[in-house]
Amino acid sequence: MRIKKWLRDGNEGFGGPGQEVFHTETLLEAAGRLLDKSYSHDIVGEILFEGEDGKIYVGTVEFCIAEANPDYVKQIMEEED
C-alpha cells in the first residue's frame, strides 16, 4: 500500500528527506533491517515450544502495520497542537 501522508515518522524519520519511504513494503523492509541491526532476537532469546494441541510454536519480535485506533490518532494529533 502507498503511504499518502506521514503523521509521525518514528525515530528514523522515515517520512523525511532522503528516506524515500512511501510504500508499506519499503517501511517493513526498513524496520526489519533496524530489528536485525539491534539484535532483536536477543530481546527474548530463542522461543520454541510445543502447545497442548501438539503443534510447535516459535516466538518472534517483529514490526507490524495495523489500522490505528481512532482514539489513539485523536490523542496523538492533540499532542501536536
N, C-alpha and C. Protein backbone atom coordinates (compact mmCIF):
# COMPACT_ATOMS: atom_id res chain seq x y z
N MET A 1 0.84 -1.17 0.00
CA MET A 1 0.00 0.00 0.00
C MET A 1 0.89 1.24 0.00
N ARG A 2 0.47 2.25 -0.74
CA ARG A 2 1.21 3.51 -0.79
C ARG A 2 0.90 4.35 0.44
N ILE A 3 1.91 5.01 0.99
CA ILE A 3 1.74 5.91 2.14
C ILE A 3 1.40 7.29 1.59
N LYS A 4 0.21 7.77 1.89
CA LYS A 4 -0.27 9.05 1.36
C LYS A 4 0.33 10.23 2.12
N LYS A 5 0.37 10.14 3.45
CA LYS A 5 0.85 11.25 4.27
C LYS A 5 1.37 10.71 5.59
N TRP A 6 2.54 11.15 5.99
CA TRP A 6 3.10 10.77 7.28
C TRP A 6 2.55 11.70 8.36
N LEU A 7 2.05 11.15 9.46
CA LEU A 7 1.62 11.94 10.61
C LEU A 7 2.73 11.95 11.66
N ARG A 8 3.37 10.84 11.84
CA ARG A 8 4.58 10.69 12.67
C ARG A 8 5.46 9.69 11.94
N ASP A 9 6.76 9.97 11.86
CA ASP A 9 7.61 9.07 11.07
C ASP A 9 8.70 8.38 11.88
N GLY A 10 8.51 8.28 13.19
CA GLY A 10 9.39 7.49 14.04
C GLY A 10 10.76 8.10 14.28
N ASN A 11 11.57 7.37 15.00
CA ASN A 11 12.92 7.83 15.37
C ASN A 11 13.85 7.94 14.17
N GLU A 12 13.57 7.19 13.12
CA GLU A 12 14.43 7.19 11.95
C GLU A 12 14.03 8.22 10.91
N GLY A 13 12.91 8.91 11.12
CA GLY A 13 12.47 9.92 10.16
C GLY A 13 12.12 9.34 8.81
N PHE A 14 11.39 8.23 8.80
CA PHE A 14 11.06 7.54 7.55
C PHE A 14 10.37 8.44 6.53
N GLY A 15 9.66 9.46 6.98
CA GLY A 15 8.97 10.34 6.06
C GLY A 15 9.78 11.55 5.65
N GLY A 16 10.98 11.68 6.16
CA GLY A 16 11.80 12.86 5.92
C GLY A 16 12.61 12.78 4.63
N PRO A 17 13.28 13.88 4.33
CA PRO A 17 14.10 13.94 3.11
C PRO A 17 15.16 12.84 3.07
N GLY A 18 15.30 12.22 1.91
CA GLY A 18 16.32 11.20 1.73
C GLY A 18 15.89 9.80 2.12
N GLN A 19 14.82 9.67 2.86
CA GLN A 19 14.38 8.33 3.28
C GLN A 19 13.61 7.62 2.18
N GLU A 20 12.78 8.35 1.46
CA GLU A 20 12.01 7.79 0.35
C GLU A 20 11.19 6.56 0.74
N VAL A 21 10.56 6.61 1.90
CA VAL A 21 9.68 5.53 2.33
C VAL A 21 8.24 5.98 2.08
N PHE A 22 7.69 5.56 0.94
CA PHE A 22 6.34 5.96 0.56
C PHE A 22 5.45 4.75 0.30
N HIS A 23 5.92 3.57 0.70
CA HIS A 23 5.16 2.34 0.48
C HIS A 23 5.33 1.46 1.71
N THR A 24 4.27 0.76 2.10
CA THR A 24 4.35 -0.08 3.31
C THR A 24 5.38 -1.19 3.17
N GLU A 25 5.56 -1.71 1.95
CA GLU A 25 6.57 -2.76 1.76
C GLU A 25 7.97 -2.22 2.09
N THR A 26 8.25 -1.00 1.65
CA THR A 26 9.54 -0.38 1.94
C THR A 26 9.70 -0.12 3.43
N LEU A 27 8.62 0.29 4.08
CA LEU A 27 8.64 0.52 5.53
C LEU A 27 8.93 -0.77 6.29
N LEU A 28 8.29 -1.86 5.90
CA LEU A 28 8.52 -3.14 6.56
C LEU A 28 9.97 -3.60 6.37
N GLU A 29 10.51 -3.41 5.17
CA GLU A 29 11.91 -3.78 4.92
C GLU A 29 12.86 -2.94 5.78
N ALA A 30 12.60 -1.63 5.86
CA ALA A 30 13.46 -0.74 6.66
C ALA A 30 13.38 -1.10 8.14
N ALA A 31 12.18 -1.35 8.62
CA ALA A 31 12.01 -1.73 10.03
C ALA A 31 12.69 -3.07 10.31
N GLY A 32 12.60 -3.99 9.37
CA GLY A 32 13.27 -5.29 9.52
C GLY A 32 14.77 -5.14 9.63
N ARG A 33 15.34 -4.26 8.79
CA ARG A 33 16.79 -4.02 8.87
C ARG A 33 17.16 -3.45 10.24
N LEU A 34 16.33 -2.54 10.76
CA LEU A 34 16.61 -1.96 12.08
C LEU A 34 16.52 -3.03 13.17
N LEU A 35 15.54 -3.92 13.06
CA LEU A 35 15.43 -5.01 14.03
C LEU A 35 16.66 -5.91 13.97
N ASP A 36 17.12 -6.21 12.77
CA ASP A 36 18.32 -7.04 12.62
C ASP A 36 19.54 -6.35 13.23
N LYS A 37 19.70 -5.06 12.94
CA LYS A 37 20.85 -4.30 13.45
C LYS A 37 20.83 -4.17 14.97
N SER A 38 19.64 -4.19 15.56
CA SER A 38 19.54 -4.03 17.01
C SER A 38 19.55 -5.37 17.75
N TYR A 39 19.80 -6.44 17.00
CA TYR A 39 19.84 -7.78 17.58
C TYR A 39 18.53 -8.09 18.32
N SER A 40 17.42 -7.81 17.66
CA SER A 40 16.11 -8.00 18.28
C SER A 40 15.89 -9.45 18.74
N HIS A 41 16.59 -10.39 18.12
CA HIS A 41 16.46 -11.79 18.53
C HIS A 41 16.97 -11.99 19.96
N ASP A 42 17.78 -11.06 20.46
CA ASP A 42 18.29 -11.17 21.82
C ASP A 42 17.31 -10.65 22.88
N ILE A 43 16.25 -9.95 22.46
CA ILE A 43 15.30 -9.38 23.42
C ILE A 43 14.69 -10.48 24.28
N VAL A 44 14.19 -11.52 23.67
CA VAL A 44 13.59 -12.62 24.43
C VAL A 44 14.36 -13.92 24.28
N GLY A 45 15.35 -13.95 23.39
CA GLY A 45 16.08 -15.19 23.15
C GLY A 45 15.27 -16.11 22.25
N GLU A 46 15.74 -17.32 22.10
CA GLU A 46 15.06 -18.27 21.23
C GLU A 46 13.87 -18.88 21.95
N ILE A 47 12.68 -18.71 21.38
CA ILE A 47 11.45 -19.24 21.95
C ILE A 47 10.89 -20.28 21.00
N LEU A 48 10.78 -21.50 21.47
CA LEU A 48 10.24 -22.60 20.68
C LEU A 48 9.60 -23.58 21.65
N PHE A 49 8.31 -23.87 21.43
CA PHE A 49 7.63 -24.78 22.36
C PHE A 49 6.52 -25.55 21.67
N GLU A 50 6.13 -26.64 22.30
CA GLU A 50 5.01 -27.43 21.82
C GLU A 50 3.79 -27.07 22.66
N GLY A 51 2.70 -26.74 21.98
CA GLY A 51 1.46 -26.41 22.67
C GLY A 51 0.68 -27.67 22.99
N GLU A 52 -0.35 -27.50 23.82
CA GLU A 52 -1.16 -28.64 24.21
C GLU A 52 -1.90 -29.25 23.02
N ASP A 53 -1.96 -28.49 21.91
CA ASP A 53 -2.59 -29.01 20.70
C ASP A 53 -1.63 -29.86 19.86
N GLY A 54 -0.39 -30.02 20.33
CA GLY A 54 0.59 -30.83 19.63
C GLY A 54 1.38 -30.08 18.56
N LYS A 55 1.03 -28.83 18.29
CA LYS A 55 1.74 -28.03 17.29
C LYS A 55 2.96 -27.36 17.93
N ILE A 56 3.97 -27.11 17.09
CA ILE A 56 5.18 -26.43 17.54
C ILE A 56 5.05 -24.95 17.21
N TYR A 57 5.36 -24.08 18.19
CA TYR A 57 5.25 -22.63 18.04
C TYR A 57 6.60 -21.98 18.27
N VAL A 58 6.80 -20.84 17.58
CA VAL A 58 8.01 -20.06 17.74
C VAL A 58 7.59 -18.65 18.15
N GLY A 59 8.36 -18.02 19.03
CA GLY A 59 8.11 -16.64 19.44
C GLY A 59 9.08 -15.71 18.74
N THR A 60 8.58 -14.60 18.21
CA THR A 60 9.43 -13.66 17.49
C THR A 60 9.13 -12.23 17.91
N VAL A 61 10.09 -11.35 17.68
CA VAL A 61 9.90 -9.91 17.86
C VAL A 61 9.79 -9.33 16.45
N GLU A 62 8.77 -8.52 16.21
CA GLU A 62 8.55 -8.04 14.86
C GLU A 62 7.95 -6.64 14.84
N PHE A 63 7.99 -6.04 13.67
CA PHE A 63 7.32 -4.78 13.40
C PHE A 63 6.14 -5.11 12.51
N CYS A 64 4.96 -4.66 12.87
CA CYS A 64 3.80 -4.93 12.03
C CYS A 64 3.02 -3.63 11.81
N ILE A 65 2.23 -3.62 10.77
CA ILE A 65 1.39 -2.47 10.44
C ILE A 65 -0.05 -2.88 10.66
N ALA A 66 -0.78 -2.08 11.46
CA ALA A 66 -2.18 -2.36 11.76
C ALA A 66 -2.97 -1.06 11.70
N GLU A 67 -4.26 -1.15 11.45
CA GLU A 67 -5.10 0.04 11.43
C GLU A 67 -5.11 0.69 12.81
N ALA A 68 -4.94 2.00 12.85
CA ALA A 68 -4.85 2.72 14.11
C ALA A 68 -6.23 2.93 14.73
N ASN A 69 -6.29 2.81 16.05
CA ASN A 69 -7.50 3.09 16.80
C ASN A 69 -7.77 4.59 16.70
N PRO A 70 -9.00 5.00 16.35
CA PRO A 70 -9.30 6.44 16.21
C PRO A 70 -9.01 7.26 17.47
N ASP A 71 -9.22 6.68 18.64
CA ASP A 71 -8.93 7.40 19.89
C ASP A 71 -7.43 7.67 20.03
N TYR A 72 -6.62 6.72 19.62
CA TYR A 72 -5.16 6.90 19.65
C TYR A 72 -4.75 8.02 18.70
N VAL A 73 -5.31 8.01 17.49
CA VAL A 73 -4.99 9.05 16.50
C VAL A 73 -5.37 10.42 17.04
N LYS A 74 -6.55 10.53 17.63
CA LYS A 74 -7.02 11.79 18.20
C LYS A 74 -6.06 12.28 19.27
N GLN A 75 -5.64 11.38 20.15
CA GLN A 75 -4.71 11.74 21.24
C GLN A 75 -3.38 12.24 20.67
N ILE A 76 -2.83 11.55 19.69
CA ILE A 76 -1.57 11.95 19.07
C ILE A 76 -1.69 13.32 18.41
N MET A 77 -2.76 13.53 17.68
CA MET A 77 -2.94 14.80 16.98
C MET A 77 -3.13 15.95 17.98
N GLU A 78 -3.78 15.68 19.11
CA GLU A 78 -3.96 16.71 20.14
C GLU A 78 -2.63 17.08 20.77
N GLU A 79 -1.71 16.11 20.89
CA GLU A 79 -0.39 16.38 21.45
C GLU A 79 0.40 17.35 20.58
N GLU A 80 0.14 17.34 19.27
CA GLU A 80 0.87 18.21 18.34
C GLU A 80 0.38 19.65 18.42
N ASP A 81 -0.86 19.86 18.86
CA ASP A 81 -1.41 21.22 18.92
C ASP A 81 -0.86 22.05 20.05
